[in-house]
Amino acid sequence: MGTNDLDARSYTDLLKGYIETRDERALYGAEQISKSFIKNNISPEEIVNMHIQALLEIYPELTDKIQPTMNFLLEAMMAYGLAHQEYQLLREKQLRIRSEIEVAAGMQSMLLQSEVPKMDELDIGVISVPANQMNGDYHHFVKGKDGTISIAIADIIGKGIPAALSMSMIKYAMDSFPENEMSTNTILASLNRVVERNVDPSMFITMFYAQYNPDTGKFYYSSAGHEPGFFYSDKTKSFKEFEAKGLVLGVNPDTTYMQSELDIEKGDMVILLTDGVTECRKGDVFIERDEVLEVIKTYMHLPAQDIVNHVYRYFEKIQNFQLRDDFTLIILKKVV
């Protein structure tokens, strides 16, 4: 006798006992046998058919009026069973995909991690929070042997695992460049060729690339279509938007980029960000860029890391703690 036959016999005995006694212990038995159904992968329509056969055994005289209703129920449950099976298969597939994404997100975090350099004259604060598991933003620091630092901040137009793979490629392309021997515009031009050759045409990358020389106080920078950051001058007590233009990476392999420079003095700040900061929303309305500066002004007396943390918490709160885009903010404060 097979497992299904044993279940059918037990089901019939339990049903008969309950009909005769109305004893709730029989209901407990039904709960136990349902676990056997699940364990043995018995479908809903098989359970309904089992119930019909049990009724026919208990009531051989089952009227012609009741029998058709049982057949109707069986047909309905057959359709339900097929839909339920498809749902289970889809759910298992989604769980596998979710697991793969979690693994990919962990690998992305490990591959793209970048240590914030320590400098006596420059206080650096960084926060980068993905809206979903995979981060479409990227930032990178390189401290040269001569004390200079290079900073990259990027945003990929396209999300998920393909974006993560593209960002990993960008990082390793950057790591292959000769240390501090290339200007910011030359680096962007080189990365542009890498992206154009290796990234799907539907995906583009914006990037702001900068180099700071502590010996001269010079800050060199170039942009490939990236969200413009801000420069705060302590002397004038004012913010100015970076004027840096350039085509996003990956469109035209022959694109050239401009390099600009400015002098950084004690008390000055450089603010670099992605559009996840400036395109935060209050309800359905985008904030104004000036609101970002107003929040920074509120906390600019604090260390750089505290500033970025407070700014993030402010915009996280106004979005009801649900980021709609990846949020990356970098602040450099000249303290000496």
C-alpha atoms as a PDB file:
ATOM      1  CA  MET A   1       0.000   0.000   0.000  1.00  0.00           C
ATOM      2  CA  GLY A   2       1.450   3.349  -1.058  1.00  0.00           C
ATOM      3  CA  THR A   3       1.750   6.564   0.941  1.00  0.00           C
ATOM      4  CA  ASN A   4      -1.280   8.089  -0.810  1.00  0.00           C
ATOM      5  CA  ASP A   5      -3.380   5.013   0.044  1.00  0.00           C
ATOM      6  CA  LEU A   6      -2.360   5.267   3.682  1.00  0.00           C
ATOM      7  CA  ASP A   7      -3.226   8.976   3.732  1.00  0.00           C
ATOM      8  CA  ALA A   8      -6.588   8.265   2.085  1.00  0.00           C
ATOM      9  CA  ARG A   9      -7.419   5.584   4.645  1.00  0.00           C
ATOM     10  CA  SER A  10      -6.425   7.832   7.544  1.00  0.00           C
ATOM     11  CA  TYR A  11      -8.382  10.740   6.067  1.00  0.00           C
ATOM     12  CA  THR A  12     -11.523   8.622   5.697  1.00  0.00           C
ATOM     13  CA  ASP A  13     -11.261   7.307   9.254  1.00  0.00           C
ATOM     14  CA  LEU A  14     -10.712  10.796  10.669  1.00  0.00           C
ATOM     15  CA  LEU A  15     -13.597  12.283   8.673  1.00  0.00           C
ATOM     16  CA  LYS A  16     -15.933   9.466   9.690  1.00  0.00           C
ATOM     17  CA  GLY A  17     -14.930   9.846  13.344  1.00  0.00           C
ATOM     18  CA  TYR A  18     -15.511  13.576  13.305  1.00  0.00           C
ATOM     19  CA  ILE A  19     -18.916  13.274  11.605  1.00  0.00           C
ATOM     20  CA  GLU A  20     -20.035  10.751  14.220  1.00  0.00           C
ATOM     21  CA  THR A  21     -18.611  12.428  17.343  1.00  0.00           C
ATOM     22  CA  ARG A  22     -17.948  16.096  16.479  1.00  0.00           C
ATOM     23  CA  ASP A  23     -14.882  15.580  18.698  1.00  0.00           C
ATOM     24  CA  GLU A  24     -12.318  18.343  18.237  1.00  0.00           C
ATOM     25  CA  ARG A  25      -9.550  15.768  18.622  1.00  0.00           C
ATOM     26  CA  ALA A  26     -10.453  14.678  15.121  1.00  0.00           C
ATOM     27  CA  LEU A  27      -9.715  18.212  13.947  1.00  0.00           C
ATOM     28  CA  TYR A  28      -6.261  17.895  15.490  1.00  0.00           C
ATOM     29  CA  GLY A  29      -5.866  14.692  13.509  1.00  0.00           C
ATOM     30  CA  ALA A  30      -6.780  16.582  10.351  1.00  0.00           C
ATOM     31  CA  GLU A  31      -4.072  19.116  11.125  1.00  0.00           C
ATOM     32  CA  GLN A  32      -1.527  16.314  11.513  1.00  0.00           C
ATOM     33  CA  ILE A  33      -2.513  14.575   8.290  1.00  0.00           C
ATOM     34  CA  SER A  34      -2.229  17.882   6.432  1.00  0.00           C
ATOM     35  CA  LYS A  35       1.466  17.881   7.379  1.00  0.00           C
ATOM     36  CA  SER A  36       1.720  14.469   5.759  1.00  0.00           C
ATOM     37  CA  PHE A  37       0.121  15.908   2.625  1.00  0.00           C
ATOM     38  CA  ILE A  38       2.759  18.634   2.483  1.00  0.00           C
ATOM     39  CA  LYS A  39       5.591  16.192   3.183  1.00  0.00           C
ATOM     40  CA  ASN A  40       4.438  13.857   0.419  1.00  0.00           C
ATOM     41  CA  ASN A  41       3.728  16.726  -1.991  1.00  0.00           C
ATOM     42  CA  ILE A  42       0.053  15.831  -2.425  1.00  0.00           C
ATOM     43  CA  SER A  43      -1.695  18.396  -4.611  1.00  0.00           C
ATOM     44  CA  PRO A  44      -4.890  20.278  -3.650  1.00  0.00           C
ATOM     45  CA  GLU A  45      -6.966  18.437  -6.261  1.00  0.00           C
ATOM     46  CA  GLU A  46      -5.775  15.080  -4.896  1.00  0.00           C
ATOM     47  CA  ILE A  47      -6.918  16.145  -1.413  1.00  0.00           C
ATOM     48  CA  VAL A  48     -10.347  17.160  -2.753  1.00  0.00           C
ATOM     49  CA  ASN A  49     -10.647  13.860  -4.613  1.00  0.00           C
ATOM     50  CA  MET A  50      -9.671  12.065  -1.417  1.00  0.00           C
ATOM     51  CA  HIS A  51     -12.479  13.906   0.380  1.00  0.00           C
ATOM     52  CA  ILE A  52     -15.004  12.933  -2.313  1.00  0.00           C
ATOM     53  CA  GLN A  53     -14.019   9.272  -2.153  1.00  0.00           C
ATOM     54  CA  ALA A  54     -14.233   9.346   1.649  1.00  0.00           C
ATOM     55  CA  LEU A  55     -17.751  10.830   1.481  1.00  0.00           C
ATOM     56  CA  LEU A  56     -18.842   8.168  -1.022  1.00  0.00           C
ATOM     57  CA  GLU A  57     -17.553   5.466   1.301  1.00  0.00           C
ATOM     58  CA  ILE A  58     -19.268   6.987   4.344  1.00  0.00           C
ATOM     59  CA  TYR A  59     -22.464   7.902   2.454  1.00  0.00           C
ATOM     60  CA  PRO A  60     -22.899   5.458  -0.462  1.00  0.00           C
ATOM     61  CA  GLU A  61     -26.313   6.969  -1.035  1.00  0.00           C
ATOM     62  CA  LEU A  62     -24.821  10.459  -1.715  1.00  0.00           C
ATOM     63  CA  THR A  63     -27.562  12.198  -3.685  1.00  0.00           C
ATOM     64  CA  ASP A  64     -27.281  13.200  -7.286  1.00  0.00           C
ATOM     65  CA  LYS A  65     -27.623  16.823  -6.171  1.00  0.00           C
ATOM     66  CA  ILE A  66     -24.499  16.693  -3.999  1.00  0.00           C
ATOM     67  CA  GLN A  67     -22.295  14.620  -6.308  1.00  0.00           C
ATOM     68  CA  PRO A  68     -22.159  17.226  -9.130  1.00  0.00           C
ATOM     69  CA  THR A  69     -21.084  19.899  -6.657  1.00  0.00           C
ATOM     70  CA  MET A  70     -18.183  17.691  -5.614  1.00  0.00           C
ATOM     71  CA  ASN A  71     -17.156  17.269  -9.255  1.00  0.00           C
ATOM     72  CA  PHE A  72     -17.359  21.033  -9.722  1.00  0.00           C
ATOM     73  CA  LEU A  73     -15.117  21.557  -6.675  1.00  0.00           C
ATOM     74  CA  LEU A  74     -12.633  19.018  -7.993  1.00  0.00           C
ATOM     75  CA  GLU A  75     -12.363  20.809 -11.344  1.00  0.00           C
ATOM     76  CA  ALA A  76     -11.881  24.150  -9.593  1.00  0.00           C
ATOM     77  CA  MET A  77      -9.160  22.722  -7.396  1.00  0.00           C
ATOM     78  CA  MET A  78      -7.369  21.203 -10.391  1.00  0.00           C
ATOM     79  CA  ALA A  79      -7.048  24.689 -11.885  1.00  0.00           C
ATOM     80  CA  TYR A  80      -6.036  26.052  -8.502  1.00  0.00           C
ATOM     81  CA  GLY A  81      -3.463  23.281  -8.094  1.00  0.00           C
ATOM     82  CA  LEU A  82      -1.804  24.130 -11.405  1.00  0.00           C
ATOM     83  CA  ALA A  83      -1.691  27.829 -10.509  1.00  0.00           C
ATOM     84  CA  HIS A  84      -0.339  27.007  -7.053  1.00  0.00           C
ATOM     85  CA  GLN A  85       2.371  24.821  -8.551  1.00  0.00           C
ATOM     86  CA  GLU A  86       3.413  27.621 -10.917  1.00  0.00           C
ATOM     87  CA  TYR A  87       3.466  30.025  -7.975  1.00  0.00           C
ATOM     88  CA  GLN A  88       5.706  27.687  -5.992  1.00  0.00           C
ATOM     89  CA  LEU A  89       8.110  27.324  -8.913  1.00  0.00           C
ATOM     90  CA  LEU A  90       8.188  31.109  -9.372  1.00  0.00           C
ATOM     91  CA  ARG A  91       8.763  31.628  -5.642  1.00  0.00           C
ATOM     92  CA  GLU A  92      11.665  29.160  -5.641  1.00  0.00           C
ATOM     93  CA  LYS A  93      13.146  30.949  -8.652  1.00  0.00           C
ATOM     94  CA  GLN A  94      12.800  34.330  -6.913  1.00  0.00           C
ATOM     95  CA  LEU A  95      14.496  32.961  -3.800  1.00  0.00           C
ATOM     96  CA  ARG A  96      17.401  31.688  -5.919  1.00  0.00           C
ATOM     97  CA  ILE A  97      17.700  35.061  -7.655  1.00  0.00           C
ATOM     98  CA  ARG A  98      17.550  36.894  -4.307  1.00  0.00           C
ATOM     99  CA  SER A  99      20.298  34.647  -2.961  1.00  0.00           C
ATOM    100  CA  GLU A 100      22.443  35.286  -6.041  1.00  0.00           C
ATOM    101  CA  ILE A 101      21.909  39.047  -5.697  1.00  0.00           C
ATOM    102  CA  GLU A 102      22.927  38.911  -2.023  1.00  0.00           C
ATOM    103  CA  VAL A 103      26.128  37.104  -2.981  1.00  0.00           C
ATOM    104  CA  ALA A 104      26.769  39.597  -5.805  1.00  0.00           C
ATOM    105  CA  ALA A 105      26.137  42.555  -3.467  1.00  0.00           C
ATOM    106  CA  GLY A 106      28.623  41.159  -0.979  1.00  0.00           C
ATOM    107  CA  MET A 107      31.206  40.660  -3.709  1.00  0.00           C
ATOM    108  CA  GLN A 108      30.563  44.171  -5.033  1.00  0.00           C
ATOM    109  CA  SER A 109      31.073  45.659  -1.579  1.00  0.00           C
ATOM    110  CA  MET A 110      34.336  43.778  -1.208  1.00  0.00           C
ATOM    111  CA  LEU A 111      35.630  44.516  -4.715  1.00  0.00           C
ATOM    112  CA  LEU A 112      34.757  48.219  -4.694  1.00  0.00           C
ATOM    113  CA  GLN A 113      35.790  49.073  -1.142  1.00  0.00           C
ATOM    114  CA  SER A 114      38.132  52.047  -1.001  1.00  0.00           C
ATOM    115  CA  GLU A 115      40.021  53.129   2.078  1.00  0.00           C
ATOM    116  CA  VAL A 116      39.708  56.813   2.922  1.00  0.00           C
ATOM    117  CA  PRO A 117      43.247  58.258   3.044  1.00  0.00           C
ATOM    118  CA  LYS A 118      44.522  59.952   6.199  1.00  0.00           C
ATOM    119  CA  MET A 119      45.950  63.439   5.752  1.00  0.00           C
ATOM    120  CA  ASP A 120      46.906  66.029   8.371  1.00  0.00           C
ATOM    121  CA  GLU A 121      45.676  68.957   6.303  1.00  0.00           C
ATOM    122  CA  LEU A 122      42.551  67.387   4.819  1.00  0.00           C
ATOM    123  CA  ASP A 123      39.545  66.038   6.715  1.00  0.00           C
ATOM    124  CA  ILE A 124      37.544  63.611   4.557  1.00  0.00           C
ATOM    125  CA  GLY A 125      33.993  62.370   5.134  1.00  0.00           C
ATOM    126  CA  VAL A 126      32.290  59.741   2.967  1.00  0.00           C
ATOM    127  CA  ILE A 127      28.896  58.075   2.932  1.00  0.00           C
ATOM    128  CA  SER A 128      27.545  55.813   0.190  1.00  0.00           C
ATOM    129  CA  VAL A 129      24.214  54.031   0.679  1.00  0.00           C
ATOM    130  CA  PRO A 130      22.539  51.953  -2.056  1.00  0.00           C
ATOM    131  CA  ALA A 131      18.798  52.332  -2.584  1.00  0.00           C
ATOM    132  CA  ASN A 132      18.655  48.580  -3.234  1.00  0.00           C
ATOM    133  CA  GLN A 133      21.067  45.713  -2.676  1.00  0.00           C
ATOM    134  CA  MET A 134      23.339  46.609  -5.586  1.00  0.00           C
ATOM    135  CA  ASN A 135      24.993  50.013  -5.561  1.00  0.00           C
ATOM    136  CA  GLY A 136      25.004  51.967  -8.821  1.00  0.00           C
ATOM    137  CA  ASP A 137      27.296  54.598  -7.267  1.00  0.00           C
ATOM    138  CA  TYR A 138      31.041  54.270  -6.901  1.00  0.00           C
ATOM    139  CA  HIS A 139      33.791  56.209  -5.173  1.00  0.00           C
ATOM    140  CA  HIS A 140      37.499  55.585  -5.059  1.00  0.00           C
ATOM    141  CA  PHE A 141      40.541  57.121  -3.362  1.00  0.00           C
ATOM    142  CA  VAL A 142      44.194  56.694  -4.218  1.00  0.00           C
ATOM    143  CA  LYS A 143      46.963  58.208  -2.104  1.00  0.00           C
ATOM    144  CA  GLY A 144      50.217  58.624  -3.974  1.00  0.00           C
ATOM    145  CA  LYS A 145      53.701  58.176  -2.570  1.00  0.00           C
ATOM    146  CA  ASP A 146      54.248  61.912  -2.967  1.00  0.00           C
ATOM    147  CA  GLY A 147      51.261  62.656  -0.705  1.00  0.00           C
ATOM    148  CA  THR A 148      48.797  63.610  -3.429  1.00  0.00           C
ATOM    149  CA  ILE A 149      45.367  62.009  -3.441  1.00  0.00           C
ATOM    150  CA  SER A 150      43.057  61.144  -6.308  1.00  0.00           C
ATOM    151  CA  ILE A 151      39.300  61.013  -5.863  1.00  0.00           C
ATOM    152  CA  ALA A 152      36.743  59.469  -8.191  1.00  0.00           C
ATOM    153  CA  ILE A 153      32.984  59.533  -7.774  1.00  0.00           C
ATOM    154  CA  ALA A 154      30.772  57.883 -10.365  1.00  0.00           C
ATOM    155  CA  ASP A 155      27.196  56.886 -11.109  1.00  0.00           C
ATOM    156  CA  ILE A 156      26.171  54.236 -13.586  1.00  0.00           C
ATOM    157  CA  ILE A 157      23.038  54.685 -15.687  1.00  0.00           C
ATOM    158  CA  GLY A 158      21.704  51.174 -15.217  1.00  0.00           C
ATOM    159  CA  LYS A 159      21.315  49.102 -12.075  1.00  0.00           C
ATOM    160  CA  GLY A 160      21.656  45.593 -10.714  1.00  0.00           C
ATOM    161  CA  ILE A 161      24.324  42.998 -11.365  1.00  0.00           C
ATOM    162  CA  PRO A 162      25.388  44.403 -14.799  1.00  0.00           C
ATOM    163  CA  ALA A 163      26.062  47.760 -13.111  1.00  0.00           C
ATOM    164  CA  ALA A 164      28.083  46.077 -10.383  1.00  0.00           C
ATOM    165  CA  LEU A 165      30.200  44.248 -12.964  1.00  0.00           C
ATOM    166  CA  SER A 166      30.749  47.466 -14.898  1.00  0.00           C
ATOM    167  CA  MET A 167      31.847  49.318 -11.774  1.00  0.00           C
ATOM    168  CA  SER A 168      34.277  46.521 -10.931  1.00  0.00           C
ATOM    169  CA  MET A 169      35.770  46.835 -14.409  1.00  0.00           C
ATOM    170  CA  ILE A 170      36.149  50.607 -13.949  1.00  0.00           C
ATOM    171  CA  LYS A 171      37.910  50.136 -10.598  1.00  0.00           C
ATOM    172  CA  TYR A 172      40.456  47.707 -11.981  1.00  0.00           C
ATOM    173  CA  ALA A 173      41.028  49.868 -15.031  1.00  0.00           C
ATOM    174  CA  MET A 174      41.786  52.776 -12.693  1.00  0.00           C
ATOM    175  CA  ASP A 175      44.095  50.631 -10.581  1.00  0.00           C
ATOM    176  CA  SER A 176      46.122  49.841 -13.697  1.00  0.00           C
ATOM    177  CA  PHE A 177      46.948  53.504 -14.405  1.00  0.00           C
ATOM    178  CA  PRO A 178      50.441  54.791 -13.522  1.00  0.00           C
ATOM    179  CA  GLU A 179      50.206  56.378 -10.094  1.00  0.00           C
ATOM    180  CA  ASN A 180      49.789  60.168 -10.292  1.00  0.00           C
ATOM    181  CA  GLU A 181      51.384  60.339 -13.739  1.00  0.00           C
ATOM    182  CA  MET A 182      48.180  61.161 -15.594  1.00  0.00           C
ATOM    183  CA  SER A 183      46.080  64.306 -15.526  1.00  0.00           C
ATOM    184  CA  THR A 184      42.417  64.090 -14.563  1.00  0.00           C
ATOM    185  CA  ASN A 185      41.219  64.659 -18.128  1.00  0.00           C
ATOM    186  CA  THR A 186      43.612  62.003 -19.496  1.00  0.00           C
ATOM    187  CA  ILE A 187      42.299  59.477 -16.984  1.00  0.00           C
ATOM    188  CA  LEU A 188      38.698  60.158 -18.008  1.00  0.00           C
ATOM    189  CA  ALA A 189      39.620  59.832 -21.684  1.00  0.00           C
ATOM    190  CA  SER A 190      41.270  56.468 -20.980  1.00  0.00           C
ATOM    191  CA  LEU A 191      38.309  55.237 -18.944  1.00  0.00           C
ATOM    192  CA  ASN A 192      35.950  56.401 -21.671  1.00  0.00           C
ATOM    193  CA  ARG A 193      37.644  54.104 -24.178  1.00  0.00           C
ATOM    194  CA  VAL A 194      37.462  51.184 -21.729  1.00  0.00           C
ATOM    195  CA  VAL A 195      33.751  51.744 -21.148  1.00  0.00           C
ATOM    196  CA  GLU A 196      32.959  52.223 -24.845  1.00  0.00           C
ATOM    197  CA  ARG A 197      34.643  48.927 -25.731  1.00  0.00           C
ATOM    198  CA  ASN A 198      33.431  46.782 -22.838  1.00  0.00           C
ATOM    199  CA  VAL A 199      30.083  48.037 -21.522  1.00  0.00           C
ATOM    200  CA  ASP A 200      26.691  47.396 -23.074  1.00  0.00           C
ATOM    201  CA  PRO A 201      25.606  50.342 -25.273  1.00  0.00           C
ATOM    202  CA  SER A 202      22.517  50.855 -23.124  1.00  0.00           C
ATOM    203  CA  MET A 203      24.660  51.630 -20.079  1.00  0.00           C
ATOM    204  CA  PHE A 204      26.618  54.839 -19.466  1.00  0.00           C
ATOM    205  CA  ILE A 205      28.755  56.041 -16.603  1.00  0.00           C
ATOM    206  CA  THR A 206      29.102  59.565 -15.249  1.00  0.00           C
ATOM    207  CA  MET A 207      32.254  60.396 -13.304  1.00  0.00           C
ATOM    208  CA  PHE A 208      33.956  63.284 -11.550  1.00  0.00           C
ATOM    209  CA  TYR A 209      37.699  62.760 -11.165  1.00  0.00           C
ATOM    210  CA  ALA A 210      39.957  64.980  -9.075  1.00  0.00           C
ATOM    211  CA  GLN A 211      43.523  65.186  -7.754  1.00  0.00           C
ATOM    212  CA  TYR A 212      44.672  67.191  -4.747  1.00  0.00           C
ATOM    213  CA  ASN A 213      48.298  68.202  -4.161  1.00  0.00           C
ATOM    214  CA  PRO A 214      48.879  69.170  -0.507  1.00  0.00           C
ATOM    215  CA  ASP A 215      52.244  70.780  -1.317  1.00  0.00           C
ATOM    216  CA  THR A 216      50.720  73.354  -3.653  1.00  0.00           C
ATOM    217  CA  GLY A 217      47.119  73.362  -2.409  1.00  0.00           C
ATOM    218  CA  LYS A 218      45.990  72.803  -6.002  1.00  0.00           C
ATOM    219  CA  PHE A 219      42.824  70.846  -6.712  1.00  0.00           C
ATOM    220  CA  TYR A 220      42.591  69.567 -10.294  1.00  0.00           C
ATOM    221  CA  TYR A 221      39.341  68.107 -11.628  1.00  0.00           C
ATOM    222  CA  SER A 222      37.473  66.886 -14.698  1.00  0.00           C
ATOM    223  CA  SER A 223      33.932  65.679 -15.276  1.00  0.00           C
ATOM    224  CA  ALA A 224      32.294  63.165 -17.578  1.00  0.00           C
ATOM    225  CA  GLY A 225      28.675  64.320 -17.411  1.00  0.00           C
ATOM    226  CA  HIS A 226      28.580  63.932 -13.630  1.00  0.00           C
ATOM    227  CA  GLU A 227      26.372  65.797 -11.153  1.00  0.00           C
ATOM    228  CA  PRO A 228      28.280  69.032 -10.416  1.00  0.00           C
ATOM    229  CA  GLY A 229      29.589  69.348  -6.883  1.00  0.00           C
ATOM    230  CA  PHE A 230      30.272  72.489  -4.860  1.00  0.00           C
ATOM    231  CA  PHE A 231      33.256  74.444  -3.598  1.00  0.00           C
ATOM    232  CA  TYR A 232      32.977  76.403  -0.372  1.00  0.00           C
ATOM    233  CA  SER A 233      35.344  79.342   0.052  1.00  0.00           C
ATOM    234  CA  ASP A 234      35.998  80.230   3.663  1.00  0.00           C
ATOM    235  CA  LYS A 235      37.329  83.598   2.568  1.00  0.00           C
ATOM    236  CA  THR A 236      34.066  84.675   0.900  1.00  0.00           C
ATOM    237  CA  LYS A 237      31.801  82.452   3.026  1.00  0.00           C
ATOM    238  CA  SER A 238      30.049  81.304  -0.130  1.00  0.00           C
ATOM    239  CA  PHE A 239      29.362  78.160  -2.165  1.00  0.00           C
ATOM    240  CA  LYS A 240      30.083  77.868  -5.860  1.00  0.00           C
ATOM    241  CA  GLU A 241      29.039  75.092  -8.204  1.00  0.00           C
ATOM    242  CA  PHE A 242      31.856  73.356 -10.064  1.00  0.00           C
ATOM    243  CA  GLU A 243      31.911  74.363 -13.712  1.00  0.00           C
ATOM    244  CA  ALA A 244      32.995  71.104 -15.282  1.00  0.00           C
ATOM    245  CA  LYS A 245      31.412  69.687 -18.404  1.00  0.00           C
ATOM    246  CA  GLY A 246      32.087  66.583 -20.430  1.00  0.00           C
ATOM    247  CA  LEU A 247      30.311  63.734 -22.205  1.00  0.00           C
ATOM    248  CA  VAL A 248      29.369  60.689 -20.127  1.00  0.00           C
ATOM    249  CA  LEU A 249      31.724  57.713 -20.416  1.00  0.00           C
ATOM    250  CA  GLY A 250      31.001  55.145 -23.106  1.00  0.00           C
ATOM    251  CA  VAL A 251      29.311  57.211 -25.816  1.00  0.00           C
ATOM    252  CA  ASN A 252      32.130  58.217 -28.127  1.00  0.00           C
ATOM    253  CA  PRO A 253      35.592  56.622 -27.941  1.00  0.00           C
ATOM    254  CA  ASP A 254      37.262  59.818 -29.206  1.00  0.00           C
ATOM    255  CA  THR A 255      35.781  62.144 -26.567  1.00  0.00           C
ATOM    256  CA  THR A 256      38.231  64.542 -24.906  1.00  0.00           C
ATOM    257  CA  TYR A 257      37.825  66.174 -21.501  1.00  0.00           C
ATOM    258  CA  MET A 258      38.840  69.463 -19.919  1.00  0.00           C
ATOM    259  CA  GLN A 259      40.881  69.805 -16.752  1.00  0.00           C
ATOM    260  CA  SER A 260      40.214  72.699 -14.376  1.00  0.00           C
ATOM    261  CA  GLU A 261      41.957  73.729 -11.178  1.00  0.00           C
ATOM    262  CA  LEU A 262      41.433  75.806  -8.074  1.00  0.00           C
ATOM    263  CA  ASP A 263      43.376  76.702  -4.947  1.00  0.00           C
ATOM    264  CA  ILE A 264      42.260  75.126  -1.680  1.00  0.00           C
ATOM    265  CA  GLU A 265      42.946  77.136   1.462  1.00  0.00           C
ATOM    266  CA  LYS A 266      42.346  76.512   5.141  1.00  0.00           C
ATOM    267  CA  GLY A 267      38.620  76.419   5.935  1.00  0.00           C
ATOM    268  CA  ASP A 268      37.614  75.624   2.338  1.00  0.00           C
ATOM    269  CA  MET A 269      35.465  72.624   1.473  1.00  0.00           C
ATOM    270  CA  VAL A 270      34.949  70.471  -1.602  1.00  0.00           C
ATOM    271  CA  ILE A 271      31.566  68.715  -1.854  1.00  0.00           C
ATOM    272  CA  LEU A 272      31.209  65.824  -4.311  1.00  0.00           C
ATOM    273  CA  LEU A 273      27.958  63.908  -4.737  1.00  0.00           C
ATOM    274  CA  THR A 274      25.737  61.827  -6.967  1.00  0.00           C
ATOM    275  CA  ASP A 275      22.266  62.719  -8.179  1.00  0.00           C
ATOM    276  CA  GLY A 276      20.789  60.550  -5.427  1.00  0.00           C
ATOM    277  CA  VAL A 277      21.585  63.498  -3.132  1.00  0.00           C
ATOM    278  CA  THR A 278      20.320  66.383  -5.254  1.00  0.00           C
ATOM    279  CA  GLU A 279      17.280  64.496  -6.572  1.00  0.00           C
ATOM    280  CA  CYS A 280      15.813  63.559  -3.215  1.00  0.00           C
ATOM    281  CA  ARG A 281      12.062  64.088  -3.059  1.00  0.00           C
ATOM    282  CA  LYS A 282       9.595  65.517  -0.616  1.00  0.00           C
ATOM    283  CA  GLY A 283       6.557  63.531  -1.592  1.00  0.00           C
ATOM    284  CA  ASP A 284       6.414  63.828  -5.373  1.00  0.00           C
ATOM    285  CA  VAL A 285       8.473  67.037  -5.566  1.00  0.00           C
ATOM    286  CA  PHE A 286      12.232  67.137  -6.070  1.00  0.00           C
ATOM    287  CA  ILE A 287      14.205  69.252  -3.617  1.00  0.00           C
ATOM    288  CA  GLU A 288      16.153  72.279  -4.787  1.00  0.00           C
ATOM    289  CA  ARG A 289      19.945  71.973  -4.931  1.00  0.00           C
ATOM    290  CA  ASP A 290      20.151  74.915  -2.525  1.00  0.00           C
ATOM    291  CA  GLU A 291      18.486  72.783   0.131  1.00  0.00           C
ATOM    292  CA  VAL A 292      21.492  70.453   0.086  1.00  0.00           C
ATOM    293  CA  LEU A 293      23.747  73.433   0.786  1.00  0.00           C
ATOM    294  CA  GLU A 294      21.484  74.708   3.556  1.00  0.00           C
ATOM    295  CA  VAL A 295      21.710  71.360   5.323  1.00  0.00           C
ATOM    296  CA  ILE A 296      25.491  71.285   4.895  1.00  0.00           C
ATOM    297  CA  LYS A 297      25.736  74.806   6.312  1.00  0.00           C
ATOM    298  CA  THR A 298      23.892  73.637   9.420  1.00  0.00           C
ATOM    299  CA  TYR A 299      26.568  71.066  10.201  1.00  0.00           C
ATOM    300  CA  MET A 300      29.693  72.473   8.537  1.00  0.00           C
ATOM    301  CA  HIS A 301      31.295  73.267  11.911  1.00  0.00           C
ATOM    302  CA  LEU A 302      31.531  69.504  12.564  1.00  0.00           C
ATOM    303  CA  PRO A 303      34.170  67.023  11.312  1.00  0.00           C
ATOM    304  CA  ALA A 304      33.632  65.968   7.690  1.00  0.00           C
ATOM    305  CA  GLN A 305      32.350  62.482   8.526  1.00  0.00           C
ATOM    306  CA  ASP A 306      29.791  63.905  10.927  1.00  0.00           C
ATOM    307  CA  ILE A 307      28.618  66.338   8.252  1.00  0.00           C
ATOM    308  CA  VAL A 308      27.929  63.625   5.654  1.00  0.00           C
ATOM    309  CA  ASN A 309      26.224  61.438   8.259  1.00  0.00           C
ATOM    310  CA  HIS A 310      23.888  64.255   9.327  1.00  0.00           C
ATOM    311  CA  VAL A 311      23.095  65.206   5.718  1.00  0.00           C
ATOM    312  CA  TYR A 312      22.248  61.613   4.899  1.00  0.00           C
ATOM    313  CA  ARG A 313      19.976  61.239   7.929  1.00  0.00           C
ATOM    314  CA  TYR A 314      18.197  64.489   7.022  1.00  0.00           C
ATOM    315  CA  PHE A 315      17.389  63.393   3.474  1.00  0.00           C
ATOM    316  CA  GLU A 316      16.624  59.843   4.537  1.00  0.00           C
ATOM    317  CA  LYS A 317      14.024  61.227   6.934  1.00  0.00           C
ATOM    318  CA  ILE A 318      12.293  63.498   4.402  1.00  0.00           C
ATOM    319  CA  GLN A 319      11.978  60.467   2.094  1.00  0.00           C
ATOM    320  CA  ASN A 320      10.315  58.437   4.853  1.00  0.00           C
ATOM    321  CA  PHE A 321      13.453  56.283   5.130  1.00  0.00           C
ATOM    322  CA  GLN A 322      12.984  54.901   1.635  1.00  0.00           C
ATOM    323  CA  LEU A 323      15.784  55.932  -0.732  1.00  0.00           C
ATOM    324  CA  ARG A 324      14.686  56.189  -4.355  1.00  0.00           C
ATOM    325  CA  ASP A 325      18.240  56.348  -5.659  1.00  0.00           C
ATOM    326  CA  ASP A 326      21.731  55.507  -4.460  1.00  0.00           C
ATOM    327  CA  PHE A 327      23.088  58.208  -2.144  1.00  0.00           C
ATOM    328  CA  THR A 328      26.799  59.112  -2.187  1.00  0.00           C
ATOM    329  CA  LEU A 329      28.312  62.217  -0.606  1.00  0.00           C
ATOM    330  CA  ILE A 330      31.983  63.101  -0.139  1.00  0.00           C
ATOM    331  CA  ILE A 331      33.213  66.189   1.724  1.00  0.00           C
ATOM    332  CA  LEU A 332      36.825  67.381   1.858  1.00  0.00           C
ATOM    333  CA  LYS A 333      37.663  70.028   4.473  1.00  0.00           C
ATOM    334  CA  LYS A 334      41.002  71.823   4.428  1.00  0.00           C
ATOM    335  CA  VAL A 335      41.888  72.070   8.139  1.00  0.00           C
ATOM    336  CA  VAL A 336      45.542  73.162   7.999  1.00  0.00           C
END
